[in-house]
Protein backbone atom coordinates (compact mmCIF):
# COMPACT_ATOMS: atom_id res chain seq x y z
CA UNK A 1 109.71 128.41 124.41
CA UNK A 2 113.11 127.92 126.04
CA UNK A 3 111.56 127.87 129.53
CA UNK A 4 108.98 125.34 128.42
CA UNK A 5 111.68 123.02 127.12
CA UNK A 6 113.91 123.33 130.20
CA UNK A 7 111.24 123.24 132.88
CA UNK A 8 108.54 121.01 131.42
CA UNK A 9 109.73 118.93 128.46
CA UNK A 10 113.06 117.67 129.88
CA UNK A 11 111.54 116.61 133.24
CA UNK A 12 108.69 114.91 131.37
CA UNK A 13 111.23 113.01 129.25
CA UNK A 14 112.89 111.74 132.44
CA UNK A 15 109.52 110.55 133.75
CA UNK A 16 108.68 108.88 130.43
CA UNK A 17 112.04 107.07 130.38
CA UNK A 18 111.36 105.78 133.89
CA UNK A 19 107.99 104.36 132.88
CA UNK A 20 109.42 102.85 129.70
CA UNK A 21 112.07 101.03 131.73
CA UNK A 22 109.56 99.97 134.38
CA UNK A 23 107.22 98.65 131.70
CA UNK A 24 109.90 96.76 129.80
CA UNK A 25 109.47 92.98 129.97
CA UNK A 26 111.86 91.13 132.27
CA UNK A 27 113.05 89.03 129.34
CA UNK A 28 114.40 92.11 127.55
CA UNK A 29 116.68 93.56 130.25
CA UNK A 30 116.60 91.16 133.13
CA UNK A 31 115.09 91.77 136.51
CA UNK A 32 118.17 93.20 138.25
CA UNK A 33 119.22 95.45 135.37
CA UNK A 34 115.73 96.81 134.93
CA UNK A 35 115.40 97.50 138.66
CA UNK A 36 118.77 99.20 138.90
CA UNK A 37 118.06 101.40 135.88
CA UNK A 38 114.69 102.42 137.32
CA UNK A 39 116.32 103.10 140.70
CA UNK A 40 119.05 105.24 139.13
CA UNK A 41 116.58 107.29 137.12
CA UNK A 42 114.34 107.78 140.16
CA UNK A 43 117.35 108.81 142.26
CA UNK A 44 118.54 111.32 139.66
CA UNK A 45 115.00 112.64 139.30
CA UNK A 46 114.64 113.00 143.07
CA UNK A 47 117.91 114.89 143.39
CA UNK A 48 116.94 117.16 140.49
CA UNK A 49 113.53 117.73 142.14
CA UNK A 50 115.20 118.80 145.39
CA UNK A 51 117.44 121.18 143.45
CA UNK A 52 114.51 122.60 141.50
CA UNK A 53 112.47 123.04 144.69
CA UNK A 54 115.41 124.84 146.27
CA UNK A 55 115.72 127.16 143.28
CA UNK A 56 111.97 127.78 143.35
CA UNK A 57 111.99 128.56 147.06
CA UNK A 58 114.96 130.87 146.69
CA UNK A 59 113.30 132.65 143.77
CA UNK A 60 110.01 132.86 145.63
CA UNK A 61 111.69 134.60 148.56
CA UNK A 62 113.18 137.14 146.19
CA UNK A 63 109.85 137.71 144.45
CA UNK A 64 111.07 136.25 141.17
CA UNK A 65 108.30 135.49 138.68
CA UNK A 66 110.21 132.48 137.31
CA UNK A 67 109.89 130.63 140.63
CA UNK A 68 106.68 128.98 139.44
CA UNK A 69 108.60 127.33 136.58
CA UNK A 70 111.00 125.77 139.10
CA UNK A 71 108.10 124.56 141.23
CA UNK A 72 106.48 122.99 138.15
CA UNK A 73 109.78 121.26 137.35
CA UNK A 74 110.07 119.89 140.87
CA UNK A 75 106.51 118.54 140.78
CA UNK A 76 107.12 116.78 137.47
CA UNK A 77 110.46 115.41 138.66
CA UNK A 78 108.88 113.79 141.72
CA UNK A 79 106.66 111.55 139.56
CA UNK A 80 109.30 108.78 139.10
CA UNK A 81 110.14 108.81 142.81
CA UNK A 82 106.50 108.39 143.81
CA UNK A 83 106.01 105.71 141.16
CA UNK A 84 109.06 103.82 142.42
CA UNK A 85 107.67 103.86 145.96
CA UNK A 86 104.28 102.63 144.75
CA UNK A 87 105.72 99.93 142.48
CA UNK A 88 108.22 98.67 145.03
């Protein structure tokens, strides 16, 4: 259960927060504030995805069975980055 929370639920929460901010009306936050918040979340998510991919690659070279959890985390964490590229 702990692995599920750390590797799936927390990255999904970051992706959900990104889409909530991106879907917020301009009148609520303002255009610049909304864009900067979405950019910051996508940047943090991208950096975390690179770190998770590195941990997964390092674990995969060692033959660690937990490497697939890190790969799943990195895939989920790239969702906001891809969405930012598509929406921009």
